[in-house]
Amino acid sequence: AEFRWQVWKASLRYEDRYVPNVYHELRGQYSRWTALINIDTPRTFPENEDFGPEKQKALSSILNAYSKLNEDIGYCQGMNYVVGFLLLVADDEEEAFWVFVCLMEYNNLKGFFQDKFPLLRRYLAAFDQLIVDELPDLRDHFAQHQVQPAVYLHQWFLTLFVSALPQDTVLVIWDGIVCEGLQTVLTVAIALLTGLKSVLLHMTLENILKFFRAMKQNDQA
């Protein structure tokens, strides 16, 4: 885990982008998103014994600090899972904050959370073209059963798969996202559906949605 964290930091040019004292100045400040952050914090990984009160406090502090650092973005649901996952991997709260800043500001993750979600919309459009090219039979099946891509892709992309898949699987996916770029989420989404296609083609809308919700608990992917 320590080796992975060091690789992530190096890939994100952490040392070049870290600014001393900034986090400690921001972490105790309140923002107009603080109330929402306080609501979402205990809802993040409630089933994970490793994410206790200390991690929850760190999560709230990091989200508040970022909402002050970039007030144009502030806070949006989904960020709590990204930061929460960083805290599960990292041993240091301040480092987790700055890795999150690197992902948001330099790897363009903030584009997923901007007003009206412009980057997310572009990724959804790109995914739709990819599924037409790579999995036309599955796309037709989804269309027949009114399974809209946004129903599952919003969760997958806004949380970088953290809320959708088991932690060990997400770690491997994040290696690609951190080292190769945010566009990795498109490749992962298509690969995931390719592996699940034979199962999904025999499901209706209700069962497909149940299956997607269950993937985090069951390492079927």
Protein backbone atom coordinates (compact mmCIF):
# COMPACT_ATOMS: atom_id res chain seq x y z
CA ALA A 1 0.00 0.00 0.00
CA GLU A 2 2.83 2.38 0.85
CA PHE A 3 4.53 1.69 -2.48
CA ARG A 4 1.28 2.31 -4.39
CA TRP A 5 0.74 5.61 -2.57
CA GLN A 6 4.25 6.78 -3.44
CA VAL A 7 3.71 5.86 -7.09
CA TRP A 8 0.44 7.79 -7.15
CA LYS A 9 2.11 10.84 -5.62
CA ALA A 10 4.95 10.69 -8.14
CA SER A 11 2.54 10.31 -11.07
CA LEU A 12 0.56 13.33 -9.89
CA ARG A 13 3.74 15.40 -9.32
CA TYR A 14 2.72 15.82 -5.71
CA GLU A 15 6.00 17.37 -4.56
CA ASP A 16 5.77 20.10 -7.21
CA ARG A 17 2.18 20.98 -6.32
CA TYR A 18 2.20 20.71 -2.54
CA VAL A 19 2.06 24.07 -0.74
CA PRO A 20 2.94 24.03 2.98
CA ASN A 21 0.42 25.28 5.56
CA VAL A 22 -2.43 25.76 3.08
CA TYR A 23 -4.37 22.73 4.25
CA HIS A 24 -4.05 23.61 7.91
CA GLU A 25 -5.28 27.14 7.19
CA LEU A 26 -8.31 25.89 5.27
CA ARG A 27 -9.34 22.75 7.13
CA GLY A 28 -11.05 24.49 10.03
CA GLN A 29 -12.98 26.99 7.94
CA TYR A 30 -16.66 26.68 7.17
CA SER A 31 -18.10 27.14 3.71
CA ARG A 32 -21.60 27.26 2.26
CA TRP A 33 -21.23 23.52 1.56
CA THR A 34 -20.36 22.55 5.14
CA ALA A 35 -23.91 21.51 6.07
CA LEU A 36 -24.15 19.18 3.06
CA ILE A 37 -20.67 17.80 3.74
CA ASN A 38 -21.68 17.04 7.32
CA ILE A 39 -24.73 15.15 6.06
CA ASP A 40 -22.77 13.08 3.52
CA THR A 41 -19.76 12.29 5.72
CA PRO A 42 -21.40 9.59 7.91
CA ARG A 43 -23.03 8.10 4.80
CA THR A 44 -19.61 7.39 3.29
CA PHE A 45 -18.49 3.77 3.84
CA PRO A 46 -20.84 3.18 6.81
CA GLU A 47 -20.20 -0.57 6.47
CA ASN A 48 -16.39 -0.23 6.49
CA GLU A 49 -14.88 -0.84 9.93
CA ASP A 50 -11.67 0.87 8.80
CA PHE A 51 -13.58 4.11 8.20
CA GLY A 52 -14.36 5.09 11.76
CA PRO A 53 -14.85 8.47 13.48
CA GLU A 54 -11.25 9.57 12.91
CA LYS A 55 -11.48 8.95 9.16
CA GLN A 56 -14.89 10.63 9.04
CA LYS A 57 -13.47 13.71 10.73
CA ALA A 58 -10.58 13.79 8.24
CA LEU A 59 -13.04 13.38 5.35
CA SER A 60 -15.11 16.32 6.54
CA SER A 61 -11.99 18.47 7.03
CA ILE A 62 -10.61 17.70 3.55
CA LEU A 63 -13.92 18.35 1.80
CA ASN A 64 -14.38 21.62 3.67
CA ALA A 65 -10.82 22.68 2.88
CA TYR A 66 -11.23 21.95 -0.83
CA SER A 67 -14.57 23.78 -0.94
CA LYS A 68 -12.70 26.88 0.31
CA LEU A 69 -9.71 26.32 -1.97
CA ASN A 70 -11.89 26.18 -5.10
CA GLU A 71 -15.15 27.95 -4.35
CA ASP A 72 -16.25 27.70 -7.99
CA ILE A 73 -16.51 23.94 -7.56
CA GLY A 74 -17.18 23.78 -3.83
CA TYR A 75 -18.61 20.38 -2.97
CA CYS A 76 -20.67 17.89 -4.92
CA GLN A 77 -21.84 14.40 -3.94
CA GLY A 78 -19.36 11.85 -5.26
CA MET A 79 -16.35 13.76 -3.98
CA ASN A 80 -16.91 12.21 -0.56
CA TYR A 81 -16.26 8.73 -1.97
CA VAL A 82 -13.12 9.85 -3.80
CA VAL A 83 -11.66 11.52 -0.71
CA GLY A 84 -12.82 8.69 1.53
CA PHE A 85 -11.03 6.19 -0.66
CA LEU A 86 -7.84 8.28 -0.57
CA LEU A 87 -8.03 8.24 3.22
CA LEU A 88 -8.30 4.45 3.19
CA VAL A 89 -5.12 4.24 1.12
CA ALA A 90 -3.12 7.05 2.73
CA ASP A 91 -1.78 7.28 6.26
CA ASP A 92 -1.58 11.07 6.18
CA GLU A 93 -4.59 13.41 6.07
CA GLU A 94 -2.71 16.34 4.54
CA GLU A 95 -1.24 14.13 1.82
CA ALA A 96 -4.72 12.81 1.02
CA PHE A 97 -5.92 16.42 0.65
CA TRP A 98 -3.15 17.33 -1.78
CA VAL A 99 -3.54 14.15 -3.84
CA PHE A 100 -7.24 15.05 -4.12
CA VAL A 101 -6.25 18.57 -5.22
CA CYS A 102 -3.91 17.10 -7.84
CA LEU A 103 -6.69 14.87 -9.19
CA MET A 104 -9.20 17.70 -9.23
CA GLU A 105 -7.10 20.59 -10.48
CA TYR A 106 -4.47 18.92 -12.66
CA ASN A 107 -6.07 15.66 -13.81
CA ASN A 108 -9.30 17.57 -14.52
CA LEU A 109 -11.50 15.55 -12.19
CA LYS A 110 -13.12 18.86 -11.26
CA GLY A 111 -14.64 18.86 -14.75
CA PHE A 112 -17.00 16.11 -13.57
CA PHE A 113 -18.35 18.41 -10.84
CA GLN A 114 -18.57 21.77 -12.59
CA ASP A 115 -21.93 23.46 -12.98
CA LYS A 116 -24.13 21.52 -15.43
CA PHE A 117 -21.46 18.77 -15.57
CA PRO A 118 -19.92 19.63 -18.99
CA LEU A 119 -17.10 17.08 -18.85
CA LEU A 120 -19.37 14.36 -17.52
CA ARG A 121 -21.72 14.99 -20.44
CA ARG A 122 -18.83 14.62 -22.88
CA TYR A 123 -17.77 11.37 -21.25
CA LEU A 124 -21.32 10.03 -21.42
CA ALA A 125 -21.43 10.88 -25.14
CA ALA A 126 -18.05 9.24 -25.70
CA PHE A 127 -19.21 6.15 -23.83
CA ASP A 128 -22.35 5.92 -25.94
CA GLN A 129 -20.23 5.86 -29.09
CA LEU A 130 -17.89 3.27 -27.61
CA ILE A 131 -20.71 0.94 -26.62
CA VAL A 132 -22.17 1.25 -30.14
CA ASP A 133 -18.81 0.24 -31.60
CA GLU A 134 -17.79 -2.39 -29.05
CA LEU A 135 -21.01 -3.83 -27.61
CA PRO A 136 -23.90 -3.09 -29.99
CA ASP A 137 -25.93 -6.10 -28.85
CA LEU A 138 -25.71 -5.04 -25.21
CA ARG A 139 -26.60 -1.44 -26.09
CA ASP A 140 -29.67 -2.68 -27.97
CA HIS A 141 -30.62 -4.86 -25.02
CA PHE A 142 -30.25 -1.92 -22.62
CA ALA A 143 -32.34 0.27 -24.94
CA GLN A 144 -35.03 -2.41 -25.19
CA HIS A 145 -35.28 -2.53 -21.39
CA GLN A 146 -34.89 1.25 -20.95
CA VAL A 147 -31.58 1.05 -19.10
CA GLN A 148 -30.17 4.53 -19.60
CA PRO A 149 -26.34 4.79 -19.38
CA ALA A 150 -26.59 7.71 -16.96
CA VAL A 151 -28.34 5.44 -14.44
CA TYR A 152 -25.12 3.54 -13.76
CA LEU A 153 -22.41 5.75 -15.30
CA HIS A 154 -23.07 8.73 -13.04
CA GLN A 155 -22.21 6.61 -10.02
CA TRP A 156 -19.25 4.93 -11.73
CA PHE A 157 -17.68 8.14 -13.02
CA LEU A 158 -18.46 10.61 -10.21
CA THR A 159 -17.01 8.26 -7.59
CA LEU A 160 -14.34 6.79 -9.90
CA PHE A 161 -15.96 3.38 -9.29
CA VAL A 162 -15.43 3.59 -5.51
CA SER A 163 -19.13 3.26 -4.70
CA ALA A 164 -19.67 0.58 -7.34
CA LEU A 165 -16.93 -2.04 -7.00
CA PRO A 166 -14.93 -3.86 -4.28
CA GLN A 167 -11.97 -1.96 -2.86
CA ASP A 168 -9.29 -4.30 -4.28
CA THR A 169 -10.74 -3.88 -7.76
CA VAL A 170 -10.91 -0.10 -7.38
CA LEU A 171 -7.25 0.05 -6.36
CA VAL A 172 -6.22 -1.47 -9.68
CA ILE A 173 -8.56 0.83 -11.61
CA TRP A 174 -7.13 3.85 -9.81
CA ASP A 175 -3.61 2.83 -10.79
CA GLY A 176 -4.73 3.47 -14.36
CA ILE A 177 -6.66 6.66 -13.59
CA VAL A 178 -3.79 8.20 -11.64
CA CYS A 179 -0.98 7.10 -13.95
CA GLU A 180 -2.68 7.26 -17.35
CA GLY A 181 -5.40 9.86 -16.94
CA LEU A 182 -9.10 10.32 -16.30
CA GLN A 183 -10.06 8.89 -19.69
CA THR A 184 -9.24 5.48 -18.20
CA VAL A 185 -12.77 5.43 -16.77
CA LEU A 186 -14.14 4.95 -20.29
CA THR A 187 -11.91 1.96 -20.95
CA VAL A 188 -12.79 0.44 -17.59
CA ALA A 189 -16.53 0.92 -18.11
CA ILE A 190 -16.44 -0.84 -21.49
CA ALA A 191 -14.21 -3.62 -20.16
CA LEU A 192 -16.54 -4.12 -17.21
CA LEU A 193 -19.61 -4.41 -19.42
CA THR A 194 -17.75 -6.71 -21.81
CA GLY A 195 -16.99 -9.09 -18.97
CA LEU A 196 -20.58 -8.95 -17.73
CA LYS A 197 -22.30 -9.03 -21.12
CA SER A 198 -23.28 -12.70 -21.11
CA VAL A 199 -25.05 -12.21 -17.77
CA LEU A 200 -26.62 -8.82 -18.50
CA LEU A 201 -28.13 -9.96 -21.81
CA HIS A 202 -30.44 -12.29 -19.88
CA MET A 203 -31.67 -9.63 -17.43
CA THR A 204 -34.52 -7.15 -17.39
CA LEU A 205 -34.32 -3.54 -16.14
CA GLU A 206 -35.00 -4.31 -12.49
CA ASN A 207 -32.50 -7.16 -12.34
CA ILE A 208 -29.82 -5.19 -14.20
CA LEU A 209 -30.07 -2.33 -11.72
CA LYS A 210 -30.01 -4.76 -8.76
CA PHE A 211 -26.95 -6.46 -10.26
CA PHE A 212 -25.09 -3.17 -10.64
CA ARG A 213 -25.91 -2.21 -7.05
CA ALA A 214 -24.68 -5.58 -5.79
CA MET A 215 -21.29 -5.47 -7.54
CA LYS A 216 -19.60 -3.70 -4.65
CA GLN A 217 -20.48 -6.51 -2.27
CA ASN A 218 -19.94 -9.33 -4.74
CA ASP A 219 -16.73 -9.43 -6.70
CA GLN A 220 -18.57 -10.76 -9.77
CA ALA A 221 -16.82 -8.32 -12.06
